[in-house]
């Protein structure tokens, strides 16, 4: 599980609440809150 504020690396992550996908393009990108529901936990 990844939470908002972490830097999990490149990849696509799925919000555990609503299923919205977020793609991080760089290893230094910080995980934002979900843009759809505002939750903070991703798979």
C-alpha atoms as a PDB file:
ATOM      1  CA  UNK A   1       0.000   0.000   0.000  1.00  0.00           C
ATOM      2  CA  UNK A   2       1.143   3.512  -0.862  1.00  0.00           C
ATOM      3  CA  UNK A   3      -0.111   6.648   0.859  1.00  0.00           C
ATOM      4  CA  UNK A   4      -0.155  10.327  -0.086  1.00  0.00           C
ATOM      5  CA  UNK A   5       3.215  11.992   0.468  1.00  0.00           C
ATOM      6  CA  UNK A   6       5.305   8.908  -0.298  1.00  0.00           C
ATOM      7  CA  UNK A   7       7.625   8.552  -3.293  1.00  0.00           C
ATOM      8  CA  UNK A   8       6.873   4.997  -4.460  1.00  0.00           C
ATOM      9  CA  UNK A   9       8.592   5.300  -7.844  1.00  0.00           C
ATOM     10  CA  UNK A  10       7.411   5.074 -11.434  1.00  0.00           C
ATOM     11  CA  UNK A  11       4.182   3.236 -12.050  1.00  0.00           C
ATOM     12  CA  UNK A  12       0.422   3.323 -12.068  1.00  0.00           C
ATOM     13  CA  UNK A  13      -1.369   3.221  -8.727  1.00  0.00           C
ATOM     14  CA  UNK A  14      -5.058   2.636  -8.015  1.00  0.00           C
ATOM     15  CA  UNK A  15      -7.055   4.413  -5.321  1.00  0.00           C
ATOM     16  CA  UNK A  16      -8.298   1.898  -2.750  1.00  0.00           C
ATOM     17  CA  UNK A  17     -11.529   3.864  -2.297  1.00  0.00           C
ATOM     18  CA  UNK A  18     -12.777   4.702  -5.810  1.00  0.00           C
ATOM     19  CA  UNK A  19     -10.473   2.909  -8.271  1.00  0.00           C
ATOM     20  CA  UNK A  20      -9.085   6.086  -9.872  1.00  0.00           C
ATOM     21  CA  UNK A  21      -5.664   5.453 -11.409  1.00  0.00           C
ATOM     22  CA  UNK A  22      -2.694   7.759 -10.950  1.00  0.00           C
ATOM     23  CA  UNK A  23       0.477   7.413 -12.997  1.00  0.00           C
ATOM     24  CA  UNK A  24       3.788   8.644 -11.632  1.00  0.00           C
ATOM     25  CA  UNK A  25       6.381   9.242 -14.363  1.00  0.00           C
ATOM     26  CA  UNK A  26       9.495   9.782 -12.262  1.00  0.00           C
ATOM     27  CA  UNK A  27      11.097   8.146  -9.242  1.00  0.00           C
ATOM     28  CA  UNK A  28      11.062  11.514  -7.435  1.00  0.00           C
ATOM     29  CA  UNK A  29       7.310  12.169  -7.922  1.00  0.00           C
ATOM     30  CA  UNK A  30       5.308  12.392  -4.700  1.00  0.00           C
ATOM     31  CA  UNK A  31       1.974  10.575  -4.476  1.00  0.00           C
ATOM     32  CA  UNK A  32      -0.845  13.152  -4.387  1.00  0.00           C
ATOM     33  CA  UNK A  33      -4.274  12.653  -2.856  1.00  0.00           C
ATOM     34  CA  UNK A  34      -6.758  11.011  -5.217  1.00  0.00           C
ATOM     35  CA  UNK A  35      -8.013  13.687  -7.646  1.00  0.00           C
ATOM     36  CA  UNK A  36     -11.438  12.033  -7.788  1.00  0.00           C
ATOM     37  CA  UNK A  37     -12.315  11.321  -4.126  1.00  0.00           C
ATOM     38  CA  UNK A  38      -9.496  12.912  -2.107  1.00  0.00           C
ATOM     39  CA  UNK A  39      -8.527   9.703  -0.287  1.00  0.00           C
ATOM     40  CA  UNK A  40      -4.889   8.880   0.401  1.00  0.00           C
ATOM     41  CA  UNK A  41      -4.367   5.100   0.043  1.00  0.00           C
ATOM     42  CA  UNK A  42      -3.340   3.384  -3.187  1.00  0.00           C
ATOM     43  CA  UNK A  43      -2.411  -0.098  -4.417  1.00  0.00           C
END
